[in-house]
Amino acid sequence: MHSNIIDKLTEHLSELPGIGKKTALRLALEIIRKDEMYAFNLAQAILDAKQKLLKCSVCGNISETAICSICSSNHRLHSIVCVVEDYPDVLAIENTNAYEGVYHVLGGLISPMDGIGPSQLNIESLMKRVENSGVEEVIFALNATPEGESTTFYLSRKIKSVSDIKISTLAKGISMGEDLNYVDELTLSRS
């Protein structure tokens, strides 16, 4: 039996990262097997996420409010800023329960091959934080890839040109080419 509706659902699901055609088809069939209320709740949760989540005005992380719970917390060390590529990296580091500072989400990495330069990233607000917010240390927790390394190099030089703060990078336990989303909590906490 061929169904354009199933094909369309499968196609949309397979556009998600890490979901191939086979997995997308299995997910589509499972959604169809569930009752109508499940499908409605799933669709509503997706719409809520798209319509109600914002970017934190301080760090660029996802948030339900203008300033995320990490940036607004009095229990965090606001003098230490961990620079990450994207939202999943914040979650990965937070899951270690080892980091007490705040974050800055770049929204990508410098990648000339992909046409991504510094102007496409959340860099200006990082520079404002470094210059005006009492930041004492910036920790670069970017993927150990050529793009991550070049972004770290670029930002380190840019920060050093305006401030004498301490600059650190994750070093131990994360191999070159590793994606932070797939590093276990123990390795991340020791890095």
N, C-alpha and C. Protein backbone atom coordinates (compact mmCIF):
# COMPACT_ATOMS: atom_id res chain seq x y z
N MET A 1 0.84 -1.18 0.00
CA MET A 1 0.00 0.00 0.00
C MET A 1 0.89 1.25 0.00
N HIS A 2 0.62 2.14 -0.90
CA HIS A 2 1.38 3.39 -1.00
C HIS A 2 0.49 4.54 -0.55
N SER A 3 1.06 5.42 0.27
CA SER A 3 0.30 6.55 0.78
C SER A 3 1.12 7.83 0.68
N ASN A 4 0.58 8.81 0.00
CA ASN A 4 1.26 10.11 -0.10
C ASN A 4 1.36 10.78 1.27
N ILE A 5 0.38 10.55 2.12
CA ILE A 5 0.39 11.15 3.46
C ILE A 5 1.55 10.60 4.28
N ILE A 6 1.73 9.27 4.24
CA ILE A 6 2.85 8.65 4.97
C ILE A 6 4.17 9.11 4.37
N ASP A 7 4.24 9.17 3.04
CA ASP A 7 5.47 9.64 2.38
C ASP A 7 5.83 11.06 2.81
N LYS A 8 4.82 11.92 2.89
CA LYS A 8 5.07 13.32 3.28
C LYS A 8 5.54 13.40 4.73
N LEU A 9 4.89 12.65 5.63
CA LEU A 9 5.30 12.64 7.03
C LEU A 9 6.71 12.08 7.16
N THR A 10 7.00 11.00 6.46
CA THR A 10 8.33 10.40 6.48
C THR A 10 9.38 11.38 5.97
N GLU A 11 9.06 12.07 4.90
CA GLU A 11 10.00 13.05 4.34
C GLU A 11 10.32 14.15 5.35
N HIS A 12 9.30 14.67 6.02
CA HIS A 12 9.53 15.74 7.01
C HIS A 12 10.34 15.23 8.20
N LEU A 13 10.03 14.04 8.67
CA LEU A 13 10.78 13.48 9.80
C LEU A 13 12.23 13.22 9.43
N SER A 14 12.48 12.79 8.20
CA SER A 14 13.85 12.48 7.78
C SER A 14 14.71 13.73 7.61
N GLU A 15 14.09 14.90 7.60
CA GLU A 15 14.85 16.15 7.52
C GLU A 15 15.49 16.52 8.85
N LEU A 16 15.08 15.85 9.93
CA LEU A 16 15.67 16.09 11.24
C LEU A 16 17.05 15.45 11.30
N PRO A 17 18.01 16.08 12.00
CA PRO A 17 19.36 15.50 12.08
C PRO A 17 19.34 14.14 12.75
N GLY A 18 20.08 13.21 12.17
CA GLY A 18 20.20 11.87 12.76
C GLY A 18 19.05 10.94 12.43
N ILE A 19 18.07 11.39 11.65
CA ILE A 19 16.92 10.56 11.29
C ILE A 19 17.02 10.23 9.81
N GLY A 20 17.30 8.96 9.52
CA GLY A 20 17.34 8.51 8.14
C GLY A 20 15.96 8.12 7.66
N LYS A 21 15.86 7.71 6.40
CA LYS A 21 14.57 7.35 5.80
C LYS A 21 13.89 6.19 6.54
N LYS A 22 14.66 5.15 6.90
CA LYS A 22 14.07 4.00 7.59
C LYS A 22 13.52 4.39 8.95
N THR A 23 14.31 5.13 9.72
CA THR A 23 13.87 5.56 11.04
C THR A 23 12.67 6.49 10.91
N ALA A 24 12.70 7.38 9.92
CA ALA A 24 11.59 8.30 9.70
C ALA A 24 10.31 7.53 9.38
N LEU A 25 10.42 6.49 8.58
CA LEU A 25 9.25 5.67 8.27
C LEU A 25 8.73 4.97 9.52
N ARG A 26 9.63 4.41 10.33
CA ARG A 26 9.21 3.76 11.59
C ARG A 26 8.51 4.76 12.50
N LEU A 27 9.06 5.97 12.61
CA LEU A 27 8.42 7.00 13.45
C LEU A 27 7.05 7.38 12.90
N ALA A 28 6.96 7.55 11.58
CA ALA A 28 5.68 7.91 10.96
C ALA A 28 4.63 6.84 11.24
N LEU A 29 5.01 5.58 11.08
CA LEU A 29 4.07 4.49 11.32
C LEU A 29 3.67 4.41 12.80
N GLU A 30 4.61 4.68 13.69
CA GLU A 30 4.30 4.68 15.13
C GLU A 30 3.34 5.81 15.48
N ILE A 31 3.54 6.97 14.89
CA ILE A 31 2.63 8.10 15.12
C ILE A 31 1.22 7.75 14.65
N ILE A 32 1.13 7.07 13.52
CA ILE A 32 -0.17 6.65 12.99
C ILE A 32 -0.83 5.63 13.91
N ARG A 33 -0.03 4.73 14.50
CA ARG A 33 -0.56 3.70 15.41
C ARG A 33 -1.12 4.31 16.70
N LYS A 34 -0.53 5.40 17.14
CA LYS A 34 -0.98 6.04 18.38
C LYS A 34 -2.37 6.65 18.17
N ASP A 35 -3.04 6.95 19.29
CA ASP A 35 -4.36 7.56 19.15
C ASP A 35 -4.25 9.02 18.70
N GLU A 36 -5.39 9.57 18.32
CA GLU A 36 -5.41 10.92 17.76
C GLU A 36 -4.94 11.97 18.77
N MET A 37 -5.21 11.76 20.05
CA MET A 37 -4.79 12.71 21.08
C MET A 37 -3.26 12.78 21.15
N TYR A 38 -2.59 11.64 20.98
CA TYR A 38 -1.12 11.65 20.97
C TYR A 38 -0.61 12.52 19.82
N ALA A 39 -1.18 12.32 18.63
CA ALA A 39 -0.75 13.10 17.46
C ALA A 39 -1.01 14.59 17.69
N PHE A 40 -2.15 14.90 18.27
CA PHE A 40 -2.46 16.30 18.56
C PHE A 40 -1.46 16.89 19.56
N ASN A 41 -1.19 16.16 20.64
CA ASN A 41 -0.25 16.64 21.66
C ASN A 41 1.16 16.80 21.10
N LEU A 42 1.58 15.87 20.24
CA LEU A 42 2.89 15.97 19.60
C LEU A 42 2.96 17.22 18.72
N ALA A 43 1.94 17.41 17.90
CA ALA A 43 1.90 18.59 17.03
C ALA A 43 1.88 19.88 17.85
N GLN A 44 1.12 19.88 18.95
CA GLN A 44 1.04 21.07 19.80
C GLN A 44 2.38 21.35 20.47
N ALA A 45 3.08 20.30 20.92
CA ALA A 45 4.39 20.48 21.55
C ALA A 45 5.39 21.07 20.56
N ILE A 46 5.33 20.62 19.31
CA ILE A 46 6.22 21.16 18.28
C ILE A 46 5.89 22.63 18.01
N LEU A 47 4.61 22.94 17.89
CA LEU A 47 4.21 24.34 17.67
C LEU A 47 4.60 25.23 18.85
N ASP A 48 4.38 24.74 20.07
CA ASP A 48 4.76 25.51 21.26
C ASP A 48 6.26 25.81 21.26
N ALA A 49 7.06 24.80 20.93
CA ALA A 49 8.51 24.99 20.91
C ALA A 49 8.89 26.06 19.88
N LYS A 50 8.28 26.02 18.71
CA LYS A 50 8.61 26.99 17.66
C LYS A 50 8.09 28.39 17.99
N GLN A 51 6.92 28.47 18.61
CA GLN A 51 6.29 29.78 18.83
C GLN A 51 6.68 30.43 20.15
N LYS A 52 6.99 29.64 21.16
CA LYS A 52 7.17 30.20 22.50
C LYS A 52 8.61 30.25 22.99
N LEU A 53 9.50 29.51 22.36
CA LEU A 53 10.90 29.56 22.79
C LEU A 53 11.60 30.74 22.13
N LEU A 54 12.42 31.42 22.93
CA LEU A 54 13.15 32.59 22.47
C LEU A 54 14.65 32.33 22.59
N LYS A 55 15.42 33.25 22.05
CA LYS A 55 16.86 33.24 22.31
C LYS A 55 17.09 34.19 23.48
N CYS A 56 17.85 33.74 24.47
CA CYS A 56 18.19 34.59 25.60
C CYS A 56 18.90 35.83 25.09
N SER A 57 18.49 36.99 25.57
CA SER A 57 19.08 38.24 25.10
C SER A 57 20.51 38.45 25.60
N VAL A 58 20.91 37.66 26.60
CA VAL A 58 22.27 37.78 27.13
C VAL A 58 23.22 36.80 26.44
N CYS A 59 22.85 35.51 26.43
CA CYS A 59 23.78 34.48 25.97
C CYS A 59 23.43 33.82 24.64
N GLY A 60 22.18 33.95 24.20
CA GLY A 60 21.78 33.32 22.94
C GLY A 60 21.28 31.90 23.09
N ASN A 61 21.17 31.39 24.32
CA ASN A 61 20.64 30.05 24.55
C ASN A 61 19.12 30.09 24.38
N ILE A 62 18.49 28.92 24.21
CA ILE A 62 17.04 28.89 24.12
C ILE A 62 16.45 29.12 25.50
N SER A 63 15.30 29.78 25.52
CA SER A 63 14.69 30.15 26.79
C SER A 63 13.20 30.40 26.59
N GLU A 64 12.44 30.26 27.66
CA GLU A 64 11.02 30.61 27.62
C GLU A 64 10.82 32.08 27.99
N THR A 65 11.88 32.72 28.45
CA THR A 65 11.81 34.13 28.86
C THR A 65 12.92 34.91 28.15
N ALA A 66 12.86 36.23 28.23
CA ALA A 66 13.85 37.07 27.54
C ALA A 66 15.27 36.79 28.01
N ILE A 67 15.43 36.49 29.30
CA ILE A 67 16.73 36.11 29.84
C ILE A 67 16.59 34.71 30.42
N CYS A 68 17.46 33.80 30.01
CA CYS A 68 17.34 32.40 30.41
C CYS A 68 17.60 32.22 31.91
N SER A 69 17.23 31.04 32.41
CA SER A 69 17.38 30.75 33.84
C SER A 69 18.84 30.71 34.28
N ILE A 70 19.74 30.38 33.39
CA ILE A 70 21.17 30.35 33.74
C ILE A 70 21.69 31.78 33.90
N CYS A 71 21.40 32.64 32.93
CA CYS A 71 21.88 34.02 33.00
C CYS A 71 21.24 34.81 34.14
N SER A 72 20.02 34.45 34.51
CA SER A 72 19.34 35.19 35.57
C SER A 72 19.60 34.62 36.96
N SER A 73 20.34 33.51 37.04
CA SER A 73 20.59 32.86 38.33
C SER A 73 21.64 33.60 39.15
N ASN A 74 21.36 33.77 40.43
CA ASN A 74 22.33 34.34 41.37
C ASN A 74 23.33 33.29 41.85
N HIS A 75 23.10 32.04 41.49
CA HIS A 75 23.96 30.94 41.94
C HIS A 75 25.03 30.58 40.92
N ARG A 76 25.08 31.29 39.81
CA ARG A 76 26.08 31.03 38.78
C ARG A 76 27.21 32.04 38.88
N LEU A 77 28.40 31.63 38.42
CA LEU A 77 29.56 32.52 38.39
C LEU A 77 29.52 33.30 37.07
N HIS A 78 29.04 34.52 37.12
CA HIS A 78 28.90 35.34 35.92
C HIS A 78 30.23 35.87 35.41
N SER A 79 31.28 35.66 36.19
CA SER A 79 32.62 36.10 35.76
C SER A 79 33.28 35.09 34.83
N ILE A 80 32.69 33.89 34.71
CA ILE A 80 33.22 32.85 33.83
C ILE A 80 32.20 32.55 32.74
N VAL A 81 32.61 32.72 31.49
CA VAL A 81 31.72 32.50 30.35
C VAL A 81 32.26 31.36 29.51
N CYS A 82 31.43 30.34 29.32
CA CYS A 82 31.78 29.20 28.47
C CYS A 82 31.15 29.41 27.10
N VAL A 83 31.98 29.52 26.08
CA VAL A 83 31.51 29.76 24.72
C VAL A 83 31.30 28.42 24.02
N VAL A 84 30.06 28.21 23.52
CA VAL A 84 29.71 26.96 22.84
C VAL A 84 29.15 27.26 21.45
N GLU A 85 29.11 26.23 20.63
CA GLU A 85 28.60 26.39 19.27
C GLU A 85 27.09 26.57 19.27
N ASP A 86 26.36 25.68 19.96
CA ASP A 86 24.91 25.71 19.87
C ASP A 86 24.26 25.13 21.13
N TYR A 87 22.92 25.16 21.16
CA TYR A 87 22.16 24.76 22.34
C TYR A 87 22.50 23.37 22.89
N PRO A 88 22.64 22.35 22.04
CA PRO A 88 22.93 21.01 22.60
C PRO A 88 24.22 20.97 23.41
N ASP A 89 25.17 21.84 23.10
CA ASP A 89 26.43 21.88 23.85
C ASP A 89 26.20 22.39 25.27
N VAL A 90 25.29 23.34 25.44
CA VAL A 90 24.93 23.81 26.78
C VAL A 90 24.35 22.64 27.57
N LEU A 91 23.43 21.90 26.96
CA LEU A 91 22.82 20.74 27.64
C LEU A 91 23.86 19.71 28.02
N ALA A 92 24.80 19.43 27.11
CA ALA A 92 25.84 18.43 27.38
C ALA A 92 26.68 18.84 28.58
N ILE A 93 27.08 20.10 28.64
CA ILE A 93 27.91 20.57 29.76
C ILE A 93 27.09 20.64 31.04
N GLU A 94 25.85 21.10 30.95
CA GLU A 94 24.99 21.17 32.14
C GLU A 94 24.76 19.78 32.74
N ASN A 95 24.67 18.76 31.90
CA ASN A 95 24.45 17.39 32.39
C ASN A 95 25.61 16.86 33.21
N THR A 96 26.78 17.50 33.13
CA THR A 96 27.92 17.07 33.95
C THR A 96 27.78 17.53 35.40
N ASN A 97 26.97 18.55 35.64
CA ASN A 97 26.83 19.17 36.97
C ASN A 97 28.18 19.63 37.52
N ALA A 98 29.13 19.94 36.65
CA ALA A 98 30.47 20.32 37.09
C ALA A 98 30.80 21.78 36.79
N TYR A 99 30.01 22.43 35.97
CA TYR A 99 30.31 23.80 35.56
C TYR A 99 29.35 24.76 36.25
N GLU A 100 29.89 25.82 36.84
CA GLU A 100 29.06 26.76 37.60
C GLU A 100 28.98 28.15 36.97
N GLY A 101 29.64 28.34 35.83
CA GLY A 101 29.62 29.64 35.17
C GLY A 101 28.39 29.81 34.29
N VAL A 102 28.48 30.77 33.38
CA VAL A 102 27.40 31.02 32.43
C VAL A 102 27.91 30.68 31.02
N TYR A 103 27.04 30.81 30.04
CA TYR A 103 27.36 30.40 28.67
C TYR A 103 27.23 31.55 27.69
N HIS A 104 27.77 31.30 26.51
CA HIS A 104 27.51 32.17 25.36
C HIS A 104 27.40 31.25 24.14
N VAL A 105 26.23 31.25 23.51
CA VAL A 105 25.96 30.40 22.36
C VAL A 105 26.22 31.18 21.07
N LEU A 106 27.18 30.69 20.28
CA LEU A 106 27.54 31.38 19.03
C LEU A 106 26.52 31.18 17.92
N GLY A 107 25.84 30.03 17.92
CA GLY A 107 24.90 29.74 16.84
C GLY A 107 25.58 29.18 15.61
N GLY A 108 26.78 28.62 15.78
CA GLY A 108 27.53 28.03 14.68
C GLY A 108 29.01 28.27 14.86
N LEU A 109 29.77 27.91 13.84
CA LEU A 109 31.22 28.09 13.85
C LEU A 109 31.64 28.79 12.56
N ILE A 110 32.75 29.47 12.61
CA ILE A 110 33.29 30.09 11.40
C ILE A 110 33.67 28.97 10.43
N SER A 111 33.11 29.03 9.24
CA SER A 111 33.35 27.99 8.24
C SER A 111 33.29 28.61 6.84
N PRO A 112 34.43 29.12 6.36
CA PRO A 112 34.45 29.75 5.04
C PRO A 112 33.92 28.84 3.93
N MET A 113 34.16 27.53 4.06
CA MET A 113 33.69 26.58 3.04
C MET A 113 32.17 26.55 2.96
N ASP A 114 31.51 26.83 4.10
CA ASP A 114 30.05 26.85 4.14
C ASP A 114 29.50 28.27 4.06
N GLY A 115 30.37 29.23 3.83
CA GLY A 115 29.94 30.62 3.73
C GLY A 115 29.56 31.25 5.05
N ILE A 116 30.06 30.70 6.16
CA ILE A 116 29.75 31.25 7.49
C ILE A 116 30.95 32.01 8.01
N GLY A 117 30.77 33.30 8.14
CA GLY A 117 31.82 34.16 8.68
C GLY A 117 31.43 34.70 10.04
N PRO A 118 32.30 35.46 10.66
CA PRO A 118 32.02 36.01 11.99
C PRO A 118 30.73 36.82 12.07
N SER A 119 30.36 37.49 10.98
CA SER A 119 29.16 38.34 11.03
C SER A 119 27.87 37.52 11.13
N GLN A 120 27.92 36.23 10.81
CA GLN A 120 26.73 35.39 10.92
C GLN A 120 26.58 34.76 12.31
N LEU A 121 27.56 34.98 13.17
CA LEU A 121 27.54 34.36 14.50
C LEU A 121 27.25 35.39 15.59
N ASN A 122 26.89 34.90 16.75
CA ASN A 122 26.55 35.73 17.91
C ASN A 122 27.83 36.18 18.62
N ILE A 123 28.62 37.01 17.93
CA ILE A 123 29.92 37.42 18.44
C ILE A 123 29.88 38.82 19.07
N GLU A 124 29.11 39.73 18.49
CA GLU A 124 29.08 41.10 19.02
C GLU A 124 28.63 41.14 20.47
N SER A 125 27.60 40.35 20.81
CA SER A 125 27.13 40.37 22.21
C SER A 125 28.16 39.73 23.14
N LEU A 126 28.95 38.77 22.63
CA LEU A 126 30.04 38.20 23.43
C LEU A 126 31.06 39.28 23.73
N MET A 127 31.42 40.05 22.73
CA MET A 127 32.41 41.11 22.93
C MET A 127 31.90 42.16 23.92
N LYS A 128 30.62 42.49 23.85
CA LYS A 128 30.04 43.44 24.81
C LYS A 128 30.11 42.88 26.23
N ARG A 129 29.84 41.58 26.38
CA ARG A 129 29.93 40.95 27.70
C ARG A 129 31.35 41.02 28.24
N VAL A 130 32.30 40.71 27.38
CA VAL A 130 33.71 40.71 27.78
C VAL A 130 34.15 42.11 28.21
N GLU A 131 33.71 43.10 27.47
CA GLU A 131 34.14 44.48 27.74
C GLU A 131 33.40 45.14 28.90
N ASN A 132 32.14 44.76 29.15
CA ASN A 132 31.31 45.53 30.08
C ASN A 132 30.71 44.76 31.25
N SER A 133 30.93 43.47 31.37
CA SER A 133 30.16 42.71 32.36
C SER A 133 30.99 42.04 33.45
N GLY A 134 32.22 42.45 33.65
CA GLY A 134 33.03 41.86 34.72
C GLY A 134 33.47 40.44 34.46
N VAL A 135 33.57 40.05 33.19
CA VAL A 135 34.03 38.70 32.84
C VAL A 135 35.52 38.60 33.13
N GLU A 136 35.91 37.54 33.84
CA GLU A 136 37.32 37.32 34.18
C GLU A 136 37.94 36.19 33.38
N GLU A 137 37.09 35.27 32.88
CA GLU A 137 37.60 34.13 32.12
C GLU A 137 36.60 33.73 31.05
N VAL A 138 37.12 33.41 29.87
CA VAL A 138 36.31 32.84 28.79
C VAL A 138 36.86 31.45 28.51
N ILE A 139 35.97 30.46 28.56
CA ILE A 139 36.34 29.07 28.27
C ILE A 139 35.73 28.71 26.93
N PHE A 140 36.56 28.32 25.98
CA PHE A 140 36.05 27.88 24.68
C PHE A 140 35.79 26.38 24.73
N ALA A 141 34.52 26.01 24.59
CA ALA A 141 34.10 24.61 24.57
C ALA A 141 33.53 24.30 23.19
N LEU A 142 34.35 24.52 22.18
CA LEU A 142 33.93 24.29 20.80
C LEU A 142 34.45 22.94 20.34
N ASN A 143 33.76 22.38 19.35
CA ASN A 143 34.15 21.07 18.84
C ASN A 143 35.59 21.10 18.34
N ALA A 144 36.29 20.00 18.55
CA ALA A 144 37.69 19.88 18.15
C ALA A 144 37.78 19.53 16.66
N THR A 145 37.31 20.46 15.85
CA THR A 145 37.33 20.34 14.39
C THR A 145 38.08 21.55 13.84
N PRO A 146 38.44 21.53 12.57
CA PRO A 146 39.09 22.72 12.01
C PRO A 146 38.25 23.99 12.20
N GLU A 147 36.93 23.87 12.05
CA GLU A 147 36.04 25.03 12.23
C GLU A 147 36.04 25.50 13.68
N GLY A 148 35.99 24.54 14.61
CA GLY A 148 36.02 24.89 16.03
C GLY A 148 37.34 25.53 16.42
N GLU A 149 38.42 24.99 15.91
CA GLU A 149 39.75 25.53 16.21
C GLU A 149 39.92 26.94 15.63
N SER A 150 39.47 27.13 14.39
CA SER A 150 39.62 28.46 13.78
C SER A 150 38.72 29.49 14.46
N THR A 151 37.54 29.07 14.91
CA THR A 151 36.65 29.98 15.64
C THR A 151 37.28 30.36 16.97
N THR A 152 37.85 29.38 17.67
CA THR A 152 38.53 29.65 18.94
C THR A 152 39.69 30.62 18.73
N PHE A 153 40.49 30.38 17.70
CA PHE A 153 41.63 31.25 17.40
C PHE A 153 41.16 32.68 17.11
N TYR A 154 40.16 32.80 16.25
CA TYR A 154 39.65 34.12 15.88
C TYR A 154 39.13 34.87 17.11
N LEU A 155 38.29 34.20 17.91
CA LEU A 155 37.70 34.86 19.07
C LEU A 155 38.73 35.16 20.15
N SER A 156 39.70 34.28 20.34
CA SER A 156 40.76 34.53 21.33
C SER A 156 41.51 35.80 20.98
N ARG A 157 41.87 35.95 19.73
CA ARG A 157 42.60 37.16 19.30
C ARG A 157 41.72 38.40 19.44
N LYS A 158 40.46 38.27 19.09
CA LYS A 158 39.54 39.41 19.19
C LYS A 158 39.36 39.83 20.65
N ILE A 159 39.21 38.87 21.54
CA ILE A 159 39.05 39.17 22.97
C ILE A 159 40.32 39.78 23.53
N LYS A 160 41.47 39.20 23.19
CA LYS A 160 42.75 39.70 23.70
C LYS A 160 43.04 41.13 23.22
N SER A 161 42.46 41.51 22.10
CA SER A 161 42.68 42.87 21.59
C SER A 161 41.95 43.93 22.41
N VAL A 162 40.95 43.52 23.20
CA VAL A 162 40.19 44.49 24.00
C VAL A 162 40.27 44.25 25.50
N SER A 163 40.77 43.06 25.90
CA SER A 163 40.76 42.73 27.33
C SER A 163 41.91 41.79 27.65
N ASP A 164 42.32 41.80 28.90
CA ASP A 164 43.41 40.94 29.34
C ASP A 164 42.89 39.76 30.17
N ILE A 165 41.66 39.34 29.92
CA ILE A 165 41.08 38.26 30.71
C ILE A 165 41.70 36.92 30.35
N LYS A 166 41.51 35.96 31.23
CA LYS A 166 42.02 34.60 31.03
C LYS A 166 41.19 33.90 29.96
N ILE A 167 41.88 33.21 29.05
CA ILE A 167 41.22 32.43 28.01
C ILE A 167 41.64 30.98 28.15
N SER A 168 40.65 30.08 28.20
CA SER A 168 40.90 28.65 28.35
C SER A 168 40.15 27.89 27.27
N THR A 169 40.60 26.66 27.04
CA THR A 169 39.88 25.76 26.13
C THR A 169 39.76 24.39 26.76
N LEU A 170 38.78 23.63 26.33
CA LEU A 170 38.70 22.24 26.75
C LEU A 170 39.86 21.51 26.09
N ALA A 171 40.53 20.66 26.84
CA ALA A 171 41.71 20.03 26.26
C ALA A 171 41.74 18.53 26.48
N LYS A 172 41.56 18.07 27.70
CA LYS A 172 41.77 16.67 28.03
C LYS A 172 40.56 15.82 27.68
N GLY A 173 40.83 14.71 27.02
CA GLY A 173 39.80 13.72 26.81
C GLY A 173 38.91 13.91 25.59
N ILE A 174 39.02 15.01 24.91
CA ILE A 174 38.20 15.22 23.72
C ILE A 174 39.12 15.18 22.51
N SER A 175 38.92 14.19 21.67
CA SER A 175 39.82 14.01 20.53
C SER A 175 39.43 14.91 19.37
N MET A 176 40.40 15.16 18.49
CA MET A 176 40.19 15.99 17.31
C MET A 176 39.07 15.39 16.47
N GLY A 177 38.14 16.22 16.04
CA GLY A 177 37.03 15.76 15.22
C GLY A 177 35.82 15.30 16.02
N GLU A 178 35.93 15.29 17.35
CA GLU A 178 34.84 14.85 18.22
C GLU A 178 33.75 15.91 18.32
N ASP A 179 32.50 15.50 18.32
CA ASP A 179 31.35 16.39 18.49
C ASP A 179 30.94 16.36 19.95
N LEU A 180 30.84 17.52 20.60
CA LEU A 180 30.52 17.58 22.03
C LEU A 180 29.22 16.88 22.38
N ASN A 181 28.28 16.79 21.44
CA ASN A 181 27.01 16.13 21.71
C ASN A 181 27.17 14.65 22.01
N TYR A 182 28.29 14.04 21.58
CA TYR A 182 28.48 12.61 21.74
C TYR A 182 29.54 12.27 22.79
N VAL A 183 30.03 13.27 23.51
CA VAL A 183 31.01 13.04 24.56
C VAL A 183 30.26 12.77 25.86
N ASP A 184 30.68 11.74 26.59
CA ASP A 184 30.00 11.41 27.84
C ASP A 184 30.28 12.46 28.92
N GLU A 185 29.41 12.48 29.95
CA GLU A 185 29.50 13.50 31.00
C GLU A 185 30.83 13.45 31.75
N LEU A 186 31.35 12.26 32.02
CA LEU A 186 32.60 12.13 32.77
C LEU A 186 33.75 12.76 32.00
N THR A 187 33.84 12.46 30.71
CA THR A 187 34.90 13.04 29.89
C THR A 187 34.79 14.56 29.85
N LEU A 188 33.56 15.06 29.68
CA LEU A 188 33.36 16.52 29.66
C LEU A 188 33.72 17.16 30.98
N SER A 189 33.34 16.54 32.10
CA SER A 189 33.60 17.16 33.40
C SER A 189 35.09 17.20 33.72
N ARG A 190 35.86 16.26 33.18
CA ARG A 190 37.31 16.23 33.42
C ARG A 190 38.07 17.15 32.47
N SER A 191 37.40 17.61 31.44
CA SER A 191 38.09 18.42 30.41
C SER A 191 38.36 19.81 30.89
